[in-house]
C-alpha atoms as a PDB file:
ATOM      1  CA  MET A   1      -0.291   0.321  -0.207  1.00  0.00           C
ATOM      2  CA  SER A   2       1.184   3.469  -0.741  1.00  0.00           C
ATOM      3  CA  PRO A   3       1.373   6.189   1.660  1.00  0.00           C
ATOM      4  CA  GLU A   4      -0.996   8.265  -1.481  1.00  0.00           C
ATOM      5  CA  ALA A   5      -3.545   5.734  -1.107  1.00  0.00           C
ATOM      6  CA  ILE A   6      -4.452   7.196   2.481  1.00  0.00           C
ATOM      7  CA  ILE A   7      -4.180  10.505   0.913  1.00  0.00           C
ATOM      8  CA  ASP A   8      -6.316   9.439  -1.523  1.00  0.00           C
ATOM      9  CA  GLY A   9      -8.769   8.042   1.162  1.00  0.00           C
ATOM     10  CA  LEU A  10      -8.750  10.583   3.130  1.00  0.00           C
ATOM     11  CA  PHE A  11      -9.912  13.095  -0.236  1.00  0.00           C
ATOM     12  CA  ALA A  12     -12.599  10.281  -0.873  1.00  0.00           C
ATOM     13  CA  GLY A  13     -13.909  10.111   2.518  1.00  0.00           C
ATOM     14  CA  SER A  14     -13.791  13.993   2.758  1.00  0.00           C
ATOM     15  CA  ILE A  15     -15.911  13.994   0.078  1.00  0.00           C
ATOM     16  CA  TYR A  16     -18.580  11.372   1.390  1.00  0.00           C
ATOM     17  CA  ALA A  17     -18.393  12.996   4.806  1.00  0.00           C
ATOM     18  CA  LEU A  18     -19.595  16.164   3.043  1.00  0.00           C
ATOM     19  CA  VAL A  19     -22.665  14.070   1.745  1.00  0.00           C
ATOM     20  CA  ALA A  20     -23.288  12.173   4.737  1.00  0.00           C
ATOM     21  CA  LEU A  21     -23.344  15.742   6.954  1.00  0.00           C
ATOM     22  CA  ALA A  22     -25.730  16.927   4.184  1.00  0.00           C
ATOM     23  CA  LEU A  23     -27.586  13.729   4.665  1.00  0.00           C
ATOM     24  CA  ALA A  24     -27.737  14.432   8.748  1.00  0.00           C
ATOM     25  CA  ILE A  25     -28.642  17.774   8.093  1.00  0.00           C
ATOM     26  CA  VAL A  26     -31.929  16.538   6.283  1.00  0.00           C
ATOM     27  CA  PHE A  27     -32.997  13.742   8.445  1.00  0.00           C
ATOM     28  CA  GLN A  28     -32.832  16.260  12.139  1.00  0.00           C
ATOM     29  CA  PRO A  29     -36.006  17.848  10.807  1.00  0.00           C
ATOM     30  CA  THR A  30     -37.962  15.593   9.137  1.00  0.00           C
ATOM     31  CA  ARG A  31     -36.884  12.601   9.435  1.00  0.00           C
ATOM     32  CA  ILE A  32     -36.650  11.471   5.432  1.00  0.00           C
ATOM     33  CA  MET A  33     -33.007  10.093   4.244  1.00  0.00           C
ATOM     34  CA  ASN A  34     -32.600  12.664   1.366  1.00  0.00           C
ATOM     35  CA  PHE A  35     -31.694   9.995  -1.882  1.00  0.00           C
ATOM     36  CA  ALA A  36     -31.176  12.654  -4.129  1.00  0.00           C
ATOM     37  CA  GLN A  37     -28.714  14.362  -1.935  1.00  0.00           C
ATOM     38  CA  GLY A  38     -25.979  12.745  -4.834  1.00  0.00           C
ATOM     39  CA  GLU A  39     -27.567  14.810  -7.045  1.00  0.00           C
ATOM     40  CA  ALA A  40     -26.702  18.495  -5.109  1.00  0.00           C
ATOM     41  CA  LEU A  41     -23.097  16.846  -5.707  1.00  0.00           C
ATOM     42  CA  ILE A  42     -23.358  16.556  -9.824  1.00  0.00           C
ATOM     43  CA  LEU A  43     -24.678  20.248  -9.898  1.00  0.00           C
ATOM     44  CA  GLY A  44     -21.526  21.647  -8.243  1.00  0.00           C
ATOM     45  CA  ALA A  45     -19.633  19.164 -10.802  1.00  0.00           C
ATOM     46  CA  ALA A  46     -21.305  20.369 -13.513  1.00  0.00           C
ATOM     47  CA  VAL A  47     -21.240  23.594 -13.018  1.00  0.00           C
ATOM     48  CA  ALA A  48     -17.429  23.828 -12.214  1.00  0.00           C
ATOM     49  CA  TYR A  49     -17.117  21.791 -16.035  1.00  0.00           C
ATOM     50  CA  GLN A  50     -19.447  24.055 -17.311  1.00  0.00           C
ATOM     51  CA  ILE A  51     -17.991  27.737 -15.891  1.00  0.00           C
ATOM     52  CA  VAL A  52     -14.124  26.306 -15.470  1.00  0.00           C
ATOM     53  CA  ALA A  53     -13.738  23.911 -18.847  1.00  0.00           C
ATOM     54  CA  LEU A  54     -16.017  25.537 -20.880  1.00  0.00           C
ATOM     55  CA  GLU A  55     -16.751  28.875 -20.102  1.00  0.00           C
ATOM     56  CA  LYS A  56     -13.236  29.779 -19.028  1.00  0.00           C
ATOM     57  CA  LEU A  57     -14.485  32.461 -16.934  1.00  0.00           C
ATOM     58  CA  GLY A  58     -12.562  30.634 -13.777  1.00  0.00           C
ATOM     59  CA  TRP A  59     -13.494  29.656 -10.107  1.00  0.00           C
ATOM     60  CA  ALA A  60     -14.910  32.215  -8.270  1.00  0.00           C
ATOM     61  CA  ALA A  61     -17.615  32.404 -11.007  1.00  0.00           C
ATOM     62  CA  ALA A  62     -18.111  29.122 -10.354  1.00  0.00           C
ATOM     63  CA  ILE A  63     -18.394  28.633  -6.960  1.00  0.00           C
ATOM     64  CA  GLY A  64     -20.905  31.768  -6.525  1.00  0.00           C
ATOM     65  CA  LEU A  65     -23.163  30.524  -9.015  1.00  0.00           C
ATOM     66  CA  THR A  66     -22.940  27.168  -7.248  1.00  0.00           C
ATOM     67  CA  ILE A  67     -24.150  28.456  -4.259  1.00  0.00           C
ATOM     68  CA  VAL A  68     -27.191  30.007  -5.947  1.00  0.00           C
ATOM     69  CA  LEU A  69     -28.399  27.286  -8.265  1.00  0.00           C
ATOM     70  CA  ALA A  70     -28.102  24.801  -5.187  1.00  0.00           C
ATOM     71  CA  CYS A  71     -29.800  26.964  -2.649  1.00  0.00           C
ATOM     72  CA  VAL A  72     -32.905  26.999  -5.822  1.00  0.00           C
ATOM     73  CA  MET A  73     -32.498  23.559  -5.789  1.00  0.00           C
ATOM     74  CA  GLY A  74     -32.784  22.940  -2.674  1.00  0.00           C
ATOM     75  CA  VAL A  75     -36.390  24.829  -2.318  1.00  0.00           C
ATOM     76  CA  LEU A  76     -37.124  22.543  -5.044  1.00  0.00           C
ATOM     77  CA  MET A  77     -36.370  19.150  -3.436  1.00  0.00           C
ATOM     78  CA  GLU A  78     -37.918  20.410  -0.837  1.00  0.00           C
ATOM     79  CA  ARG A  79     -41.181  20.716  -3.004  1.00  0.00           C
ATOM     80  CA  MET A  80     -40.696  18.086  -4.759  1.00  0.00           C
ATOM     81  CA  ILE A  81     -40.157  15.301  -1.457  1.00  0.00           C
ATOM     82  CA  THR A  82     -42.407  17.342   1.431  1.00  0.00           C
ATOM     83  CA  LEU A  83     -45.455  17.913  -0.844  1.00  0.00           C
ATOM     84  CA  PRO A  84     -45.729  13.764  -2.264  1.00  0.00           C
ATOM     85  CA  ILE A  85     -45.503  13.095   1.357  1.00  0.00           C
ATOM     86  CA  LYS A  86     -47.962  15.228   2.675  1.00  0.00           C
ATOM     87  CA  LEU A  87     -50.602  14.480   0.040  1.00  0.00           C
ATOM     88  CA  SER A  88     -50.161  10.903   0.277  1.00  0.00           C
ATOM     89  CA  GLY A  89     -50.449  10.916   3.972  1.00  0.00           C
ATOM     90  CA  SER A  90     -48.204   7.245   3.883  1.00  0.00           C
ATOM     91  CA  ARG A  91     -44.890   7.144   6.039  1.00  0.00           C
ATOM     92  CA  ASN A  92     -42.987   5.345   3.225  1.00  0.00           C
ATOM     93  CA  ALA A  93     -44.021   7.962   1.202  1.00  0.00           C
ATOM     94  CA  TRP A  94     -40.418   9.580   1.291  1.00  0.00           C
ATOM     95  CA  ILE A  95     -38.668   6.947   0.102  1.00  0.00           C
ATOM     96  CA  ILE A  96     -40.224   6.902  -3.314  1.00  0.00           C
ATOM     97  CA  ALA A  97     -40.076  11.266  -2.946  1.00  0.00           C
ATOM     98  CA  THR A  98     -36.988  11.331  -3.042  1.00  0.00           C
ATOM     99  CA  LEU A  99     -36.028   8.118  -5.335  1.00  0.00           C
ATOM    100  CA  ALA A 100     -38.564  10.096  -7.709  1.00  0.00           C
ATOM    101  CA  ALA A 101     -36.665  13.210  -7.388  1.00  0.00           C
ATOM    102  CA  ALA A 102     -32.818  11.830  -7.407  1.00  0.00           C
ATOM    103  CA  LEU A 103     -33.901  10.383 -11.136  1.00  0.00           C
ATOM    104  CA  ILE A 104     -35.446  13.091 -12.512  1.00  0.00           C
ATOM    105  CA  PHE A 105     -32.577  15.277 -11.802  1.00  0.00           C
ATOM    106  CA  GLN A 106     -30.546  12.668 -12.618  1.00  0.00           C
ATOM    107  CA  SER A 107     -32.876  12.906 -16.657  1.00  0.00           C
ATOM    108  CA  VAL A 108     -31.932  16.910 -16.279  1.00  0.00           C
ATOM    109  CA  PHE A 109     -27.996  16.406 -16.377  1.00  0.00           C
ATOM    110  CA  ASN A 110     -28.113  13.721 -18.827  1.00  0.00           C
ATOM    111  CA  LEU A 111     -29.972  15.331 -21.330  1.00  0.00           C
ATOM    112  CA  GLY A 112     -27.502  19.053 -20.770  1.00  0.00           C
ATOM    113  CA  TYR A 113     -24.245  16.506 -20.612  1.00  0.00           C
ATOM    114  CA  PHE A 114     -25.292  13.704 -22.461  1.00  0.00           C
ATOM    115  CA  ASP A 115     -21.807  13.436 -24.862  1.00  0.00           C
ATOM    116  CA  VAL A 116     -19.929  13.528 -21.647  1.00  0.00           C
ATOM    117  CA  ASP A 117     -17.865  10.911 -19.767  1.00  0.00           C
ATOM    118  CA  ALA A 118     -16.769  13.208 -16.225  1.00  0.00           C
ATOM    119  CA  LEU A 119     -17.677  16.733 -15.506  1.00  0.00           C
ATOM    120  CA  ARG A 120     -13.618  17.189 -14.898  1.00  0.00           C
ATOM    121  CA  PRO A 121     -12.824  20.803 -14.755  1.00  0.00           C
ATOM    122  CA  SER A 122      -9.249  22.028 -14.250  1.00  0.00           C
ATOM    123  CA  PRO A 123      -8.114  22.111 -10.276  1.00  0.00           C
ATOM    124  CA  ILE A 124      -8.748  24.936  -7.830  1.00  0.00           C
ATOM    125  CA  ILE A 125      -5.050  24.935  -7.120  1.00  0.00           C
ATOM    126  CA  PRO A 126      -2.422  22.768  -9.002  1.00  0.00           C
ATOM    127  CA  GLY A 127       0.334  20.953  -8.518  1.00  0.00           C
ATOM    128  CA  GLY A 128       1.260  18.889  -5.349  1.00  0.00           C
ATOM    129  CA  PHE A 129       4.457  19.503  -3.063  1.00  0.00           C
ATOM    130  CA  GLU A 130       5.822  16.319  -1.417  1.00  0.00           C
ATOM    131  CA  VAL A 131       6.521  15.014   2.013  1.00  0.00           C
ATOM    132  CA  ALA A 132       8.663  12.158   3.126  1.00  0.00           C
ATOM    133  CA  GLY A 133       8.753  11.410  -0.397  1.00  0.00           C
ATOM    134  CA  MET A 134       4.801  11.089  -0.538  1.00  0.00           C
ATOM    135  CA  THR A 135       2.788  13.351  -3.384  1.00  0.00           C
ATOM    136  CA  ILE A 136       0.250  15.443  -2.397  1.00  0.00           C
ATOM    137  CA  GLN A 137      -2.066  17.054  -4.543  1.00  0.00           C
ATOM    138  CA  TRP A 138      -3.164  20.318  -3.368  1.00  0.00           C
ATOM    139  CA  GLN A 139      -6.935  20.297  -4.406  1.00  0.00           C
ATOM    140  CA  GLU A 140      -6.654  17.245  -2.577  1.00  0.00           C
ATOM    141  CA  LEU A 141      -5.329  19.069   0.209  1.00  0.00           C
ATOM    142  CA  LEU A 142      -7.393  21.908   0.145  1.00  0.00           C
ATOM    143  CA  THR A 143     -10.917  19.624   0.165  1.00  0.00           C
ATOM    144  CA  ILE A 144      -9.365  17.549   3.697  1.00  0.00           C
ATOM    145  CA  VAL A 145      -9.415  20.776   4.952  1.00  0.00           C
ATOM    146  CA  ALA A 146     -12.510  22.393   3.764  1.00  0.00           C
ATOM    147  CA  ALA A 147     -14.114  19.215   4.942  1.00  0.00           C
ATOM    148  CA  LEU A 148     -12.873  19.774   8.489  1.00  0.00           C
ATOM    149  CA  ALA A 149     -14.429  23.659   8.348  1.00  0.00           C
ATOM    150  CA  VAL A 150     -17.598  23.165   7.246  1.00  0.00           C
ATOM    151  CA  MET A 151     -17.557  20.105   9.628  1.00  0.00           C
ATOM    152  CA  ALA A 152     -16.948  23.077  12.444  1.00  0.00           C
ATOM    153  CA  LEU A 153     -18.618  25.505  11.231  1.00  0.00           C
ATOM    154  CA  TYR A 154     -21.996  23.480  10.991  1.00  0.00           C
ATOM    155  CA  ASP A 155     -21.578  23.002  14.673  1.00  0.00           C
ATOM    156  CA  GLN A 156     -20.776  25.933  15.718  1.00  0.00           C
ATOM    157  CA  PHE A 157     -24.510  26.968  13.288  1.00  0.00           C
ATOM    158  CA  LEU A 158     -25.834  24.891  15.522  1.00  0.00           C
ATOM    159  CA  ARG A 159     -24.621  25.621  19.366  1.00  0.00           C
ATOM    160  CA  ARG A 160     -24.634  29.136  19.025  1.00  0.00           C
ATOM    161  CA  SER A 161     -27.561  30.677  16.498  1.00  0.00           C
ATOM    162  CA  ALA A 162     -31.238  31.226  16.802  1.00  0.00           C
ATOM    163  CA  TYR A 163     -31.907  29.360  13.589  1.00  0.00           C
ATOM    164  CA  GLY A 164     -29.368  26.495  14.683  1.00  0.00           C
ATOM    165  CA  ARG A 165     -31.545  26.143  17.989  1.00  0.00           C
ATOM    166  CA  ALA A 166     -34.438  25.870  16.230  1.00  0.00           C
ATOM    167  CA  ILE A 167     -32.984  22.858  14.055  1.00  0.00           C
ATOM    168  CA  ARG A 168     -32.162  21.126  17.038  1.00  0.00           C
ATOM    169  CA  ALA A 169     -35.592  21.920  19.029  1.00  0.00           C
ATOM    170  CA  THR A 170     -37.097  20.969  15.171  1.00  0.00           C
ATOM    171  CA  ALA A 171     -35.567  17.283  15.429  1.00  0.00           C
ATOM    172  CA  HIS A 172     -36.475  16.202  18.946  1.00  0.00           C
ATOM    173  CA  SER A 173     -40.182  17.024  18.295  1.00  0.00           C
ATOM    174  CA  SER A 174     -41.975  19.397  15.487  1.00  0.00           C
ATOM    175  CA  ASP A 175     -44.978  19.136  17.266  1.00  0.00           C
ATOM    176  CA  THR A 176     -43.896  21.109  19.921  1.00  0.00           C
ATOM    177  CA  SER A 177     -41.388  23.336  18.463  1.00  0.00           C
ATOM    178  CA  VAL A 178     -44.544  23.892  17.073  1.00  0.00           C
ATOM    179  CA  LEU A 179     -46.335  24.945  19.862  1.00  0.00           C
ATOM    180  CA  MET A 180     -43.404  27.078  21.411  1.00  0.00           C
ATOM    181  CA  GLY A 181     -43.586  28.925  18.190  1.00  0.00           C
ATOM    182  CA  ILE A 182     -40.997  27.787  15.693  1.00  0.00           C
ATOM    183  CA  PRO A 183     -41.515  28.595  12.219  1.00  0.00           C
ATOM    184  CA  VAL A 184     -41.321  24.438  11.283  1.00  0.00           C
ATOM    185  CA  GLN A 185     -41.970  24.502   7.761  1.00  0.00           C
ATOM    186  CA  ARG A 186     -39.397  27.538   7.285  1.00  0.00           C
ATOM    187  CA  ILE A 187     -36.764  24.886   9.072  1.00  0.00           C
ATOM    188  CA  VAL A 188     -37.822  22.388   6.278  1.00  0.00           C
ATOM    189  CA  VAL A 189     -36.235  24.658   4.047  1.00  0.00           C
ATOM    190  CA  LEU A 190     -34.054  25.806   5.356  1.00  0.00           C
ATOM    191  CA  SER A 191     -32.056  21.902   6.004  1.00  0.00           C
ATOM    192  CA  PHE A 192     -32.921  21.489   2.284  1.00  0.00           C
ATOM    193  CA  VAL A 193     -30.964  24.256   1.282  1.00  0.00           C
ATOM    194  CA  ILE A 194     -27.850  24.007   3.567  1.00  0.00           C
ATOM    195  CA  ALA A 195     -27.839  20.199   2.601  1.00  0.00           C
ATOM    196  CA  ALA A 196     -28.531  21.499  -0.989  1.00  0.00           C
ATOM    197  CA  VAL A 197     -25.033  24.115  -0.932  1.00  0.00           C
ATOM    198  CA  ILE A 198     -23.078  21.417   1.266  1.00  0.00           C
ATOM    199  CA  SER A 199     -23.193  18.612  -1.748  1.00  0.00           C
ATOM    200  CA  ALA A 200     -22.546  20.734  -4.337  1.00  0.00           C
ATOM    201  CA  VAL A 201     -19.922  22.360  -2.585  1.00  0.00           C
ATOM    202  CA  ALA A 202     -18.217  18.690  -2.560  1.00  0.00           C
ATOM    203  CA  GLY A 203     -18.694  18.407  -6.512  1.00  0.00           C
ATOM    204  CA  LEU A 204     -16.738  20.886  -6.847  1.00  0.00           C
ATOM    205  CA  LEU A 205     -14.518  20.697  -4.906  1.00  0.00           C
ATOM    206  CA  ALA A 206     -14.293  16.688  -6.235  1.00  0.00           C
ATOM    207  CA  ALA A 207     -14.769  17.283  -9.459  1.00  0.00           C
ATOM    208  CA  PRO A 208     -11.043  17.754 -10.688  1.00  0.00           C
ATOM    209  CA  VAL A 209      -9.836  14.473  -9.176  1.00  0.00           C
ATOM    210  CA  ILE A 210     -12.405  11.651  -9.598  1.00  0.00           C
ATOM    211  CA  PHE A 211     -14.375  10.301 -11.962  1.00  0.00           C
ATOM    212  CA  VAL A 212     -17.905  12.222 -11.747  1.00  0.00           C
ATOM    213  CA  ALA A 213     -20.467  11.643 -14.176  1.00  0.00           C
ATOM    214  CA  PRO A 214     -23.570  13.435 -15.193  1.00  0.00           C
ATOM    215  CA  ALA A 215     -25.315   9.729 -13.857  1.00  0.00           C
ATOM    216  CA  ALA A 216     -23.211   9.190 -11.046  1.00  0.00           C
ATOM    217  CA  GLY A 217     -25.251  11.083  -7.673  1.00  0.00           C
ATOM    218  CA  LEU A 218     -27.062   7.682  -6.882  1.00  0.00           C
ATOM    219  CA  VAL A 219     -23.253   6.413  -6.306  1.00  0.00           C
ATOM    220  CA  PHE A 220     -22.234   9.205  -4.168  1.00  0.00           C
ATOM    221  CA  THR A 221     -26.210   9.232  -2.224  1.00  0.00           C
ATOM    222  CA  ILE A 222     -25.080   5.276  -1.563  1.00  0.00           C
ATOM    223  CA  LYS A 223     -21.636   5.980  -0.249  1.00  0.00           C
ATOM    224  CA  GLY A 224     -22.556   9.290   1.400  1.00  0.00           C
ATOM    225  CA  PHE A 225     -26.256   6.837   3.393  1.00  0.00           C
ATOM    226  CA  THR A 226     -23.365   4.473   3.867  1.00  0.00           C
ATOM    227  CA  ALA A 227     -20.876   7.135   5.647  1.00  0.00           C
ATOM    228  CA  ALA A 228     -24.030   8.108   7.618  1.00  0.00           C
ATOM    229  CA  VAL A 229     -25.041   4.760   9.115  1.00  0.00           C
ATOM    230  CA  ILE A 230     -21.581   3.973  10.120  1.00  0.00           C
ATOM    231  CA  GLY A 231     -21.376   7.707  12.054  1.00  0.00           C
ATOM    232  CA  GLY A 232     -24.644   7.267  13.087  1.00  0.00           C
ATOM    233  CA  VAL A 233     -28.043   8.440  11.400  1.00  0.00           C
ATOM    234  CA  GLY A 234     -28.180  12.568  12.539  1.00  0.00           C
ATOM    235  CA  SER A 235     -24.651  12.963  13.780  1.00  0.00           C
ATOM    236  CA  PRO A 236     -22.727  14.965  12.313  1.00  0.00           C
ATOM    237  CA  ARG A 237     -19.605  14.026  13.941  1.00  0.00           C
ATOM    238  CA  GLY A 238     -20.385  10.362  13.147  1.00  0.00           C
ATOM    239  CA  ALA A 239     -21.041  11.952   9.515  1.00  0.00           C
ATOM    240  CA  LEU A 240     -17.010  12.810   9.434  1.00  0.00           C
ATOM    241  CA  ILE A 241     -15.931   9.918  11.360  1.00  0.00           C
ATOM    242  CA  GLY A 242     -18.382   7.800   8.608  1.00  0.00           C
ATOM    243  CA  GLY A 243     -17.088   9.040   5.509  1.00  0.00           C
ATOM    244  CA  MET A 244     -13.659   9.002   6.518  1.00  0.00           C
ATOM    245  CA  ILE A 245     -13.512   5.086   7.290  1.00  0.00           C
ATOM    246  CA  VAL A 246     -15.693   4.923   4.168  1.00  0.00           C
ATOM    247  CA  GLY A 247     -13.282   6.447   2.045  1.00  0.00           C
ATOM    248  CA  LEU A 248      -9.997   4.971   2.964  1.00  0.00           C
ATOM    249  CA  LEU A 249     -11.549   1.466   2.935  1.00  0.00           C
ATOM    250  CA  ASP A 250     -12.670   1.437  -0.179  1.00  0.00           C
ATOM    251  CA  THR A 251      -9.325   3.019  -1.562  1.00  0.00           C
ATOM    252  CA  ILE A 252      -6.801   1.129   0.638  1.00  0.00           C
ATOM    253  CA  VAL A 253      -8.717  -2.353  -0.121  1.00  0.00           C
ATOM    254  CA  ARG A 254      -8.838  -1.154  -4.301  1.00  0.00           C
ATOM    255  CA  SER A 255      -5.234  -0.742  -4.209  1.00  0.00           C
ATOM    256  CA  LEU A 256      -4.577  -3.312  -2.442  1.00  0.00           C
ATOM    257  CA  VAL A 257      -6.602  -5.882  -4.465  1.00  0.00           C
ATOM    258  CA  GLY A 258      -8.159  -3.526  -6.883  1.00  0.00           C
ATOM    259  CA  GLY A 259     -11.660  -3.842  -8.185  1.00  0.00           C
ATOM    260  CA  SER A 260     -15.114  -3.861  -6.755  1.00  0.00           C
ATOM    261  CA  ILE A 261     -13.668  -5.479  -3.209  1.00  0.00           C
ATOM    262  CA  GLY A 262     -12.871  -1.877  -1.873  1.00  0.00           C
ATOM    263  CA  ASN A 263     -17.265  -2.044  -1.939  1.00  0.00           C
ATOM    264  CA  PHE A 264     -17.113  -4.939  -0.898  1.00  0.00           C
ATOM    265  CA  ALA A 265     -15.148  -3.957   1.982  1.00  0.00           C
ATOM    266  CA  VAL A 266     -16.772  -0.994   2.774  1.00  0.00           C
ATOM    267  CA  PHE A 267     -20.275  -2.750   3.312  1.00  0.00           C
ATOM    268  CA  ALA A 268     -19.105  -5.554   5.097  1.00  0.00           C
ATOM    269  CA  ALA A 269     -17.723  -2.892   8.093  1.00  0.00           C
ATOM    270  CA  LEU A 270     -21.276  -1.639   7.804  1.00  0.00           C
ATOM    271  CA  ALA A 271     -22.709  -4.410   8.344  1.00  0.00           C
ATOM    272  CA  VAL A 272     -19.926  -5.784  11.525  1.00  0.00           C
ATOM    273  CA  ILE A 273     -20.313  -1.409  12.589  1.00  0.00           C
ATOM    274  CA  LEU A 274     -24.032  -2.520  12.956  1.00  0.00           C
ATOM    275  CA  VAL A 275     -24.125  -5.447  14.985  1.00  0.00           C
ATOM    276  CA  ILE A 276     -21.464  -3.880  17.088  1.00  0.00           C
ATOM    277  CA  PHE A 277     -23.466  -0.241  17.544  1.00  0.00           C
ATOM    278  CA  PRO A 278     -26.939  -0.693  16.100  1.00  0.00           C
ATOM    279  CA  SER A 279     -27.138   3.320  15.979  1.00  0.00           C
ATOM    280  CA  GLY A 280     -23.847   3.961  14.437  1.00  0.00           C
ATOM    281  CA  LEU A 281     -21.218   4.693  15.978  1.00  0.00           C
ATOM    282  CA  PHE A 282     -22.127   8.193  17.378  1.00  0.00           C
ATOM    283  CA  GLY A 283     -25.885   7.724  16.821  1.00  0.00           C
ATOM    284  CA  LYS A 284     -28.384   7.496  19.532  1.00  0.00           C
ATOM    285  CA  PRO A 285     -31.461   5.172  19.601  1.00  0.00           C
ATOM    286  CA  MET A 286     -34.294   7.161  18.898  1.00  0.00           C
ATOM    287  CA  GLU A 287     -32.393   8.113  15.568  1.00  0.00           C
ATOM    288  CA  ALA A 288     -31.826   4.979  14.587  1.00  0.00           C
ATOM    289  CA  HIS A 289     -35.239   4.100  15.099  1.00  0.00           C
END
């Protein structure tokens, strides 16, 4: 196993951790696992590819446009998912609603980039450096640092802001939150928007390094979901640890054995962890239920 494989694993783990965090953000106030979350990652990659690789407008324009479009996508996702759930009255309607939203966005990206194999812009910071004979790409280091920063900022947002406290109250009991005057619907929309922005940022960070196809949204959703379950659904800290476990295990096993054995190792680890920790490493029994 080469030292570069560990860096690649930390990089991939950072991407999965951001998706897992986005899933947790939506799950907390809604108890919905948004299987369309990976499409926001594709949005970020697509905007970066369009603006940086094709239009040559630079990363500042790509980042700004990504955040704006991700906010719009978050609002659309909330409407596409929560309205069918309310109208159907079924407890399991969120499964069909989120998968339907994923397929709709996937079709849009496929139509827009039907002749593109991978959405691959140039790196934000090109090149790399060597440490102890190990080559580290600046883009990978930037992504790892950005993932840690996003986790820390969201944790502070939850603890110190009024909206953060409202999100925690809604996650505990939406009915009680309504009685206390908390605008639950606004909190739900905000959660979808924040989750979409975080996933889109993960997409524009990932696109210059790894293979991001227009139809790969569900793949990233599955990896992020696995990371969220390993860490504990609804736990931001668990999202980070779970993402790193998935990224490192997948990358290291692939470098040693090759093929699709990495995915097998990840799901085997998921099964073992859930046997020992049914709620995940940092999850609470209520969240697992």
